Amino acid sequence: MDAVRLIVTSGRALAAGGEEADILAEVWQAQALAQAIGSRLAVYGPPELRGEALGLTELAGRGCGVLHTPELAPGELRAAQLTELGDARQALLRLAGLLGEIGIALVAVASAADDETTYWSCVEAIDAADESRDRVLEMLRKLADRDVEPERAVPWPEREPVLREAG
């Protein structure tokens, strides 16, 4: 299944909400998907994205690691269903949105947490999601820079300094 479709599925599942455990399971699924997309980009993506993609893989893995691994039936792990990236820009745009949604969901869970373990796990997962989103945004910037052809780039007009006479 392509990345965009899996990201949309994760976003819908996260938006459906539910109990704390359900939300945390969806956050874990989304982080695992971000990790898989980062790995795929690191190996098969444009060379200029590979460093950031490796960073995304590490950060998303950290996001999974701080949360309890949900019990999933065979075939329920969305990250394992990733077969192709499709349009990298579109996948990264959607992934940036999903990572933002993860942060919002985690803030809600942390705010309602009854125990410190859940609270601090959410705080660490928020940090990982935020840093992962930063990596995704950096990759999008690099893709945009790559698409600007030098002969079509318009330089910033030079301005004459404004000199004012004293007095």
N, C-alpha and C. Protein backbone atom coordinates (compact mmCIF):
# COMPACT_ATOMS: atom_id res chain seq x y z
N MET A 1 0.85 -1.17 0.00
CA MET A 1 0.00 0.00 0.00
C MET A 1 0.90 1.24 0.00
N ASP A 2 0.46 2.28 -0.66
CA ASP A 2 1.31 3.47 -0.74
C ASP A 2 1.23 4.30 0.54
N ALA A 3 2.25 5.13 0.72
CA ALA A 3 2.42 5.89 1.96
C ALA A 3 1.25 6.82 2.24
N VAL A 4 0.79 7.55 1.24
CA VAL A 4 -0.29 8.51 1.46
C VAL A 4 -1.54 7.81 1.98
N ARG A 5 -1.87 6.70 1.40
CA ARG A 5 -3.06 5.96 1.81
C ARG A 5 -2.93 5.50 3.27
N LEU A 6 -1.76 5.02 3.64
CA LEU A 6 -1.54 4.58 5.01
C LEU A 6 -1.57 5.74 5.99
N ILE A 7 -1.03 6.87 5.58
CA ILE A 7 -1.04 8.06 6.44
C ILE A 7 -2.47 8.53 6.67
N VAL A 8 -3.27 8.54 5.61
CA VAL A 8 -4.67 8.95 5.73
C VAL A 8 -5.41 7.98 6.66
N THR A 9 -5.16 6.70 6.51
CA THR A 9 -5.78 5.70 7.38
C THR A 9 -5.40 5.94 8.84
N SER A 10 -4.13 6.22 9.08
CA SER A 10 -3.67 6.49 10.45
C SER A 10 -4.32 7.75 11.00
N GLY A 11 -4.41 8.78 10.18
CA GLY A 11 -5.04 10.02 10.62
C GLY A 11 -6.50 9.82 11.00
N ARG A 12 -7.21 9.05 10.21
CA ARG A 12 -8.62 8.78 10.52
C ARG A 12 -8.76 7.97 11.81
N ALA A 13 -7.89 6.98 11.97
CA ALA A 13 -7.95 6.16 13.19
C ALA A 13 -7.63 7.00 14.42
N LEU A 14 -6.67 7.90 14.30
CA LEU A 14 -6.30 8.77 15.41
C LEU A 14 -7.45 9.73 15.73
N ALA A 15 -8.09 10.26 14.70
CA ALA A 15 -9.20 11.20 14.89
C ALA A 15 -10.42 10.52 15.51
N ALA A 16 -10.55 9.22 15.31
CA ALA A 16 -11.68 8.49 15.88
C ALA A 16 -11.63 8.47 17.40
N GLY A 17 -10.43 8.69 17.94
CA GLY A 17 -10.29 8.78 19.40
C GLY A 17 -10.54 7.47 20.09
N GLY A 18 -11.25 7.54 21.19
CA GLY A 18 -11.50 6.37 22.00
C GLY A 18 -10.87 6.51 23.36
N GLU A 19 -10.64 5.37 23.99
CA GLU A 19 -10.01 5.34 25.30
C GLU A 19 -8.54 5.72 25.18
N GLU A 20 -7.92 6.03 26.31
CA GLU A 20 -6.51 6.40 26.34
C GLU A 20 -5.65 5.35 25.64
N ALA A 21 -5.89 4.08 25.93
CA ALA A 21 -5.10 3.00 25.34
C ALA A 21 -5.26 2.97 23.82
N ASP A 22 -6.46 3.24 23.33
CA ASP A 22 -6.70 3.26 21.88
C ASP A 22 -5.93 4.40 21.21
N ILE A 23 -5.96 5.56 21.84
CA ILE A 23 -5.26 6.72 21.29
C ILE A 23 -3.75 6.46 21.28
N LEU A 24 -3.22 5.94 22.37
CA LEU A 24 -1.79 5.66 22.44
C LEU A 24 -1.39 4.59 21.43
N ALA A 25 -2.27 3.62 21.19
CA ALA A 25 -1.98 2.59 20.18
C ALA A 25 -1.93 3.22 18.80
N GLU A 26 -2.81 4.16 18.51
CA GLU A 26 -2.80 4.83 17.20
C GLU A 26 -1.59 5.75 17.05
N VAL A 27 -1.20 6.39 18.15
CA VAL A 27 0.01 7.21 18.11
C VAL A 27 1.21 6.31 17.80
N TRP A 28 1.28 5.17 18.47
CA TRP A 28 2.38 4.22 18.24
C TRP A 28 2.38 3.77 16.77
N GLN A 29 1.20 3.45 16.25
CA GLN A 29 1.08 3.04 14.84
C GLN A 29 1.59 4.14 13.91
N ALA A 30 1.21 5.37 14.18
CA ALA A 30 1.62 6.50 13.33
C ALA A 30 3.13 6.71 13.41
N GLN A 31 3.70 6.59 14.60
CA GLN A 31 5.15 6.74 14.74
C GLN A 31 5.87 5.60 14.01
N ALA A 32 5.34 4.39 14.10
CA ALA A 32 5.95 3.26 13.39
C ALA A 32 5.89 3.49 11.88
N LEU A 33 4.79 4.07 11.41
CA LEU A 33 4.66 4.38 9.99
C LEU A 33 5.67 5.46 9.57
N ALA A 34 5.83 6.48 10.40
CA ALA A 34 6.83 7.52 10.12
C ALA A 34 8.23 6.91 10.05
N GLN A 35 8.50 5.98 10.94
CA GLN A 35 9.79 5.29 10.94
C GLN A 35 9.99 4.51 9.64
N ALA A 36 8.96 3.82 9.20
CA ALA A 36 9.05 3.04 7.96
C ALA A 36 9.23 3.95 6.75
N ILE A 37 8.53 5.07 6.72
CA ILE A 37 8.67 6.01 5.61
C ILE A 37 10.07 6.61 5.61
N GLY A 38 10.58 6.95 6.78
CA GLY A 38 11.94 7.46 6.88
C GLY A 38 12.95 6.44 6.37
N SER A 39 12.78 5.19 6.75
CA SER A 39 13.69 4.13 6.28
C SER A 39 13.64 3.99 4.77
N ARG A 40 12.44 4.02 4.23
CA ARG A 40 12.28 3.88 2.78
C ARG A 40 12.94 5.04 2.04
N LEU A 41 12.74 6.27 2.56
CA LEU A 41 13.37 7.44 1.94
C LEU A 41 14.89 7.40 2.07
N ALA A 42 15.38 6.90 3.19
CA ALA A 42 16.82 6.82 3.40
C ALA A 42 17.48 5.89 2.39
N VAL A 43 16.78 4.86 1.99
CA VAL A 43 17.34 3.88 1.05
C VAL A 43 17.04 4.25 -0.40
N TYR A 44 15.79 4.62 -0.68
CA TYR A 44 15.37 4.80 -2.07
C TYR A 44 15.07 6.25 -2.46
N GLY A 45 15.09 7.16 -1.50
CA GLY A 45 14.71 8.53 -1.79
C GLY A 45 15.82 9.31 -2.45
N PRO A 46 15.52 10.55 -2.80
CA PRO A 46 16.53 11.42 -3.39
C PRO A 46 17.73 11.56 -2.45
N PRO A 47 18.93 11.61 -2.99
CA PRO A 47 20.14 11.67 -2.16
C PRO A 47 20.14 12.82 -1.15
N GLU A 48 19.59 13.97 -1.52
CA GLU A 48 19.62 15.11 -0.62
C GLU A 48 18.70 14.94 0.60
N LEU A 49 17.84 13.92 0.58
CA LEU A 49 16.94 13.70 1.70
C LEU A 49 17.43 12.60 2.65
N ARG A 50 18.43 11.88 2.26
CA ARG A 50 18.81 10.68 3.00
C ARG A 50 19.24 10.94 4.43
N GLY A 51 19.99 11.98 4.68
CA GLY A 51 20.40 12.29 6.05
C GLY A 51 19.22 12.61 6.95
N GLU A 52 18.32 13.46 6.46
CA GLU A 52 17.13 13.81 7.22
C GLU A 52 16.22 12.60 7.39
N ALA A 53 16.15 11.75 6.37
CA ALA A 53 15.32 10.55 6.44
C ALA A 53 15.84 9.60 7.51
N LEU A 54 17.16 9.47 7.62
CA LEU A 54 17.73 8.64 8.68
C LEU A 54 17.38 9.22 10.05
N GLY A 55 17.45 10.53 10.17
CA GLY A 55 17.08 11.19 11.42
C GLY A 55 15.62 10.95 11.76
N LEU A 56 14.75 11.01 10.75
CA LEU A 56 13.33 10.73 10.96
C LEU A 56 13.14 9.31 11.46
N THR A 57 13.85 8.37 10.87
CA THR A 57 13.74 6.97 11.28
C THR A 57 14.11 6.83 12.76
N GLU A 58 15.19 7.47 13.16
CA GLU A 58 15.64 7.38 14.55
C GLU A 58 14.64 8.04 15.50
N LEU A 59 14.19 9.23 15.16
CA LEU A 59 13.27 9.95 16.04
C LEU A 59 11.92 9.26 16.16
N ALA A 60 11.39 8.78 15.05
CA ALA A 60 10.10 8.08 15.10
C ALA A 60 10.24 6.78 15.89
N GLY A 61 11.40 6.13 15.76
CA GLY A 61 11.66 4.93 16.55
C GLY A 61 11.68 5.25 18.04
N ARG A 62 12.25 6.41 18.38
CA ARG A 62 12.24 6.85 19.78
C ARG A 62 10.81 7.11 20.24
N GLY A 63 9.99 7.67 19.34
CA GLY A 63 8.58 7.90 19.67
C GLY A 63 7.84 6.61 19.96
N CYS A 64 8.16 5.56 19.23
CA CYS A 64 7.57 4.25 19.50
C CYS A 64 8.11 3.67 20.80
N GLY A 65 9.39 3.86 21.02
CA GLY A 65 10.05 3.25 22.16
C GLY A 65 9.58 3.76 23.51
N VAL A 66 9.11 5.00 23.57
CA VAL A 66 8.68 5.55 24.86
C VAL A 66 7.23 5.18 25.19
N LEU A 67 6.53 4.64 24.21
CA LEU A 67 5.15 4.23 24.43
C LEU A 67 5.07 2.71 24.55
N HIS A 68 4.04 2.25 25.23
CA HIS A 68 3.81 0.82 25.34
C HIS A 68 3.46 0.27 23.96
N THR A 69 4.12 -0.79 23.56
CA THR A 69 3.84 -1.41 22.26
C THR A 69 2.47 -2.08 22.32
N PRO A 70 1.56 -1.66 21.44
CA PRO A 70 0.21 -2.25 21.48
C PRO A 70 0.22 -3.69 20.96
N GLU A 71 -0.75 -4.45 21.45
CA GLU A 71 -0.92 -5.81 20.94
C GLU A 71 -1.74 -5.71 19.66
N LEU A 72 -1.11 -6.09 18.55
CA LEU A 72 -1.76 -6.01 17.26
C LEU A 72 -1.91 -7.40 16.67
N ALA A 73 -3.02 -7.62 16.04
CA ALA A 73 -3.23 -8.89 15.34
C ALA A 73 -2.37 -8.89 14.08
N PRO A 74 -2.04 -10.06 13.58
CA PRO A 74 -1.27 -10.11 12.33
C PRO A 74 -1.97 -9.30 11.23
N GLY A 75 -1.19 -8.49 10.55
CA GLY A 75 -1.72 -7.66 9.47
C GLY A 75 -2.22 -6.30 9.91
N GLU A 76 -2.26 -6.02 11.22
CA GLU A 76 -2.74 -4.73 11.71
C GLU A 76 -1.66 -3.65 11.76
N LEU A 77 -0.41 -4.04 11.69
CA LEU A 77 0.67 -3.05 11.74
C LEU A 77 0.73 -2.33 10.39
N ARG A 78 0.33 -1.07 10.38
CA ARG A 78 0.27 -0.31 9.12
C ARG A 78 1.65 -0.14 8.49
N ALA A 79 2.66 0.05 9.32
CA ALA A 79 4.02 0.25 8.79
C ALA A 79 4.46 -0.95 7.95
N ALA A 80 4.03 -2.12 8.33
CA ALA A 80 4.40 -3.33 7.58
C ALA A 80 3.67 -3.42 6.24
N GLN A 81 2.62 -2.64 6.08
CA GLN A 81 1.86 -2.64 4.83
C GLN A 81 2.41 -1.67 3.79
N LEU A 82 3.43 -0.90 4.17
CA LEU A 82 4.03 0.07 3.25
C LEU A 82 4.78 -0.66 2.15
N THR A 83 4.32 -0.50 0.93
CA THR A 83 4.98 -1.14 -0.21
C THR A 83 5.62 -0.14 -1.15
N GLU A 84 5.12 1.11 -1.13
CA GLU A 84 5.68 2.14 -2.01
C GLU A 84 5.45 3.52 -1.42
N LEU A 85 6.36 4.43 -1.76
CA LEU A 85 6.22 5.80 -1.29
C LEU A 85 5.27 6.61 -2.15
N GLY A 86 5.24 6.33 -3.43
CA GLY A 86 4.47 7.17 -4.32
C GLY A 86 5.14 8.52 -4.45
N ASP A 87 4.38 9.58 -4.50
CA ASP A 87 4.90 10.94 -4.61
C ASP A 87 5.48 11.34 -3.26
N ALA A 88 6.80 11.49 -3.20
CA ALA A 88 7.49 11.80 -1.93
C ALA A 88 6.98 13.10 -1.32
N ARG A 89 6.76 14.11 -2.13
CA ARG A 89 6.30 15.40 -1.60
C ARG A 89 4.93 15.25 -0.94
N GLN A 90 4.03 14.57 -1.62
CA GLN A 90 2.69 14.38 -1.08
C GLN A 90 2.72 13.55 0.21
N ALA A 91 3.55 12.51 0.21
CA ALA A 91 3.69 11.68 1.41
C ALA A 91 4.24 12.50 2.57
N LEU A 92 5.24 13.32 2.31
CA LEU A 92 5.83 14.13 3.37
C LEU A 92 4.88 15.20 3.87
N LEU A 93 4.11 15.81 2.98
CA LEU A 93 3.11 16.79 3.41
C LEU A 93 2.09 16.16 4.35
N ARG A 94 1.60 15.00 3.96
CA ARG A 94 0.61 14.29 4.78
C ARG A 94 1.22 13.83 6.10
N LEU A 95 2.46 13.36 6.04
CA LEU A 95 3.14 12.89 7.24
C LEU A 95 3.36 14.04 8.22
N ALA A 96 3.71 15.21 7.72
CA ALA A 96 3.88 16.38 8.59
C ALA A 96 2.56 16.68 9.32
N GLY A 97 1.46 16.61 8.60
CA GLY A 97 0.15 16.83 9.22
C GLY A 97 -0.17 15.78 10.28
N LEU A 98 0.12 14.52 9.96
CA LEU A 98 -0.14 13.44 10.91
C LEU A 98 0.71 13.60 12.17
N LEU A 99 1.96 13.97 12.01
CA LEU A 99 2.82 14.17 13.17
C LEU A 99 2.32 15.32 14.05
N GLY A 100 1.76 16.35 13.43
CA GLY A 100 1.15 17.43 14.20
C GLY A 100 -0.07 16.94 14.97
N GLU A 101 -0.88 16.10 14.33
CA GLU A 101 -2.05 15.53 15.00
C GLU A 101 -1.65 14.63 16.16
N ILE A 102 -0.55 13.91 15.99
CA ILE A 102 -0.04 13.06 17.06
C ILE A 102 0.27 13.92 18.29
N GLY A 103 0.95 15.03 18.06
CA GLY A 103 1.28 15.92 19.18
C GLY A 103 0.05 16.39 19.92
N ILE A 104 -0.98 16.78 19.18
CA ILE A 104 -2.22 17.26 19.80
C ILE A 104 -2.88 16.14 20.60
N ALA A 105 -2.94 14.94 20.04
CA ALA A 105 -3.54 13.81 20.74
C ALA A 105 -2.77 13.48 22.02
N LEU A 106 -1.44 13.55 21.94
CA LEU A 106 -0.62 13.24 23.11
C LEU A 106 -0.78 14.29 24.21
N VAL A 107 -0.94 15.54 23.83
CA VAL A 107 -1.17 16.58 24.83
C VAL A 107 -2.47 16.29 25.58
N ALA A 108 -3.50 15.89 24.85
CA ALA A 108 -4.78 15.57 25.48
C ALA A 108 -4.64 14.39 26.44
N VAL A 109 -3.92 13.35 26.03
CA VAL A 109 -3.73 12.18 26.89
C VAL A 109 -2.90 12.56 28.11
N ALA A 110 -1.82 13.31 27.90
CA ALA A 110 -0.96 13.71 29.02
C ALA A 110 -1.74 14.56 30.02
N SER A 111 -2.59 15.46 29.52
CA SER A 111 -3.36 16.33 30.41
C SER A 111 -4.34 15.55 31.28
N ALA A 112 -4.84 14.45 30.77
CA ALA A 112 -5.82 13.65 31.50
C ALA A 112 -5.19 12.45 32.22
N ALA A 113 -3.88 12.30 32.12
CA ALA A 113 -3.22 11.12 32.69
C ALA A 113 -3.35 11.08 34.21
N ASP A 114 -3.65 9.88 34.71
CA ASP A 114 -3.77 9.69 36.15
C ASP A 114 -2.45 9.33 36.81
N ASP A 115 -1.49 8.89 36.02
CA ASP A 115 -0.22 8.46 36.60
C ASP A 115 0.95 9.17 35.91
N GLU A 116 2.04 9.28 36.64
CA GLU A 116 3.21 9.99 36.12
C GLU A 116 3.88 9.25 34.96
N THR A 117 3.82 7.94 34.98
CA THR A 117 4.45 7.16 33.90
C THR A 117 3.82 7.51 32.56
N THR A 118 2.50 7.52 32.52
CA THR A 118 1.81 7.87 31.27
C THR A 118 2.11 9.30 30.88
N TYR A 119 2.06 10.20 31.85
CA TYR A 119 2.34 11.61 31.58
C TYR A 119 3.71 11.78 30.94
N TRP A 120 4.76 11.23 31.57
CA TRP A 120 6.11 11.43 31.06
C TRP A 120 6.34 10.69 29.75
N SER A 121 5.69 9.56 29.55
CA SER A 121 5.78 8.87 28.26
C SER A 121 5.20 9.74 27.15
N CYS A 122 4.08 10.38 27.47
CA CYS A 122 3.45 11.27 26.49
C CYS A 122 4.34 12.48 26.20
N VAL A 123 4.94 13.04 27.23
CA VAL A 123 5.82 14.20 27.04
C VAL A 123 6.99 13.83 26.13
N GLU A 124 7.60 12.68 26.37
CA GLU A 124 8.71 12.24 25.52
C GLU A 124 8.24 11.93 24.10
N ALA A 125 7.05 11.36 23.97
CA ALA A 125 6.51 11.07 22.64
C ALA A 125 6.15 12.35 21.90
N ILE A 126 5.69 13.36 22.62
CA ILE A 126 5.40 14.67 22.01
C ILE A 126 6.69 15.25 21.44
N ASP A 127 7.74 15.18 22.23
CA ASP A 127 9.04 15.69 21.80
C ASP A 127 9.52 14.96 20.54
N ALA A 128 9.39 13.64 20.53
CA ALA A 128 9.81 12.85 19.37
C ALA A 128 8.97 13.19 18.14
N ALA A 129 7.66 13.37 18.32
CA ALA A 129 6.78 13.71 17.20
C ALA A 129 7.13 15.09 16.65
N ASP A 130 7.41 16.03 17.54
CA ASP A 130 7.75 17.39 17.13
C ASP A 130 9.07 17.41 16.36
N GLU A 131 10.06 16.70 16.87
CA GLU A 131 11.35 16.64 16.17
C GLU A 131 11.22 15.88 14.84
N SER A 132 10.39 14.85 14.81
CA SER A 132 10.15 14.12 13.56
C SER A 132 9.51 15.04 12.53
N ARG A 133 8.56 15.85 12.99
CA ARG A 133 7.89 16.79 12.08
C ARG A 133 8.89 17.80 11.54
N ASP A 134 9.81 18.26 12.40
CA ASP A 134 10.85 19.18 11.94
C ASP A 134 11.68 18.55 10.83
N ARG A 135 12.02 17.28 10.95
CA ARG A 135 12.79 16.58 9.91
C ARG A 135 11.99 16.50 8.61
N VAL A 136 10.72 16.20 8.74
CA VAL A 136 9.86 16.12 7.55
C VAL A 136 9.79 17.48 6.86
N LEU A 137 9.62 18.54 7.63
CA LEU A 137 9.55 19.88 7.04
C LEU A 137 10.87 20.26 6.37
N GLU A 138 11.98 19.83 6.95
CA GLU A 138 13.28 20.09 6.33
C GLU A 138 13.40 19.33 5.00
N MET A 139 12.90 18.11 4.96
CA MET A 139 12.93 17.36 3.70
C MET A 139 12.06 18.04 2.65
N LEU A 140 10.93 18.56 3.04
CA LEU A 140 10.07 19.29 2.11
C LEU A 140 10.78 20.53 1.57
N ARG A 141 11.49 21.22 2.46
CA ARG A 141 12.26 22.40 2.03
C ARG A 141 13.32 22.01 1.01
N LYS A 142 14.00 20.91 1.27
CA LYS A 142 15.04 20.46 0.35
C LYS A 142 14.44 20.04 -0.99
N LEU A 143 13.29 19.44 -0.98
CA LEU A 143 12.62 19.09 -2.24
C LEU A 143 12.24 20.36 -3.00
N ALA A 144 11.77 21.36 -2.30
CA ALA A 144 11.40 22.63 -2.95
C ALA A 144 12.63 23.31 -3.53
N ASP A 145 13.74 23.30 -2.80
CA ASP A 145 14.98 23.90 -3.29
C ASP A 145 15.47 23.18 -4.54
N ARG A 146 15.32 21.88 -4.56
CA ARG A 146 15.76 21.08 -5.70
C ARG A 146 14.95 21.40 -6.96
N ASP A 147 13.68 21.72 -6.76
CA ASP A 147 12.79 21.97 -7.89
C ASP A 147 12.94 23.35 -8.50
N VAL A 148 13.62 24.27 -7.82
CA VAL A 148 13.84 25.60 -8.37
C VAL A 148 15.04 25.51 -9.31
N GLU A 149 14.76 25.70 -10.58
CA GLU A 149 15.83 25.63 -11.58
C GLU A 149 16.62 26.93 -11.54
N PRO A 150 17.95 26.85 -11.61
CA PRO A 150 18.77 28.06 -11.51
C PRO A 150 18.41 29.13 -12.53
N GLU A 151 18.10 28.77 -13.78
CA GLU A 151 17.80 29.78 -14.78
C GLU A 151 16.43 30.42 -14.57
N ARG A 152 15.57 29.76 -13.77
CA ARG A 152 14.26 30.32 -13.50
C ARG A 152 14.22 31.07 -12.18
N ALA A 153 15.26 30.91 -11.39
CA ALA A 153 15.31 31.60 -10.10
C ALA A 153 15.49 33.09 -10.33
N VAL A 154 14.74 33.87 -9.62
CA VAL A 154 14.83 35.32 -9.76
C VAL A 154 15.57 35.85 -8.54
N PRO A 155 16.71 36.50 -8.76
CA PRO A 155 17.46 37.01 -7.61
C PRO A 155 16.73 38.17 -6.96
N TRP A 156 17.01 38.35 -5.69
CA TRP A 156 16.43 39.45 -4.96
C TRP A 156 17.01 40.74 -5.53
N PRO A 157 16.17 41.69 -5.83
CA PRO A 157 16.71 42.93 -6.41
C PRO A 157 17.62 43.64 -5.41
N GLU A 158 18.73 44.10 -5.95
CA GLU A 158 19.66 44.85 -5.10
C GLU A 158 19.12 46.25 -4.93
N ARG A 159 19.27 46.76 -3.75
CA ARG A 159 18.76 48.10 -3.47
C ARG A 159 19.91 49.04 -3.22
N GLU A 160 19.70 50.23 -3.65
CA GLU A 160 20.68 51.28 -3.39
C GLU A 160 20.56 51.66 -1.92
N PRO A 161 21.67 51.83 -1.25
CA PRO A 161 21.58 52.27 0.15
C PRO A 161 20.98 53.68 0.20
N VAL A 162 20.18 53.90 1.17
CA VAL A 162 19.56 55.20 1.35
C VAL A 162 20.47 56.02 2.25
N LEU A 163 20.97 57.11 1.69
CA LEU A 163 21.85 57.99 2.46
C LEU A 163 21.08 59.24 2.84
N ARG A 164 21.17 59.57 4.08
CA ARG A 164 20.49 60.77 4.54
C ARG A 164 21.54 61.76 4.98
N GLU A 165 21.25 62.97 4.64
CA GLU A 165 22.18 64.03 5.05
C GLU A 165 21.93 64.38 6.50
N ALA A 166 23.01 64.60 7.19
CA ALA A 166 22.89 65.00 8.59
C ALA A 166 22.42 66.46 8.66
N GLY A 167 21.58 66.71 9.59
CA GLY A 167 21.28 68.06 9.90
C GLY A 167 20.06 68.58 9.39
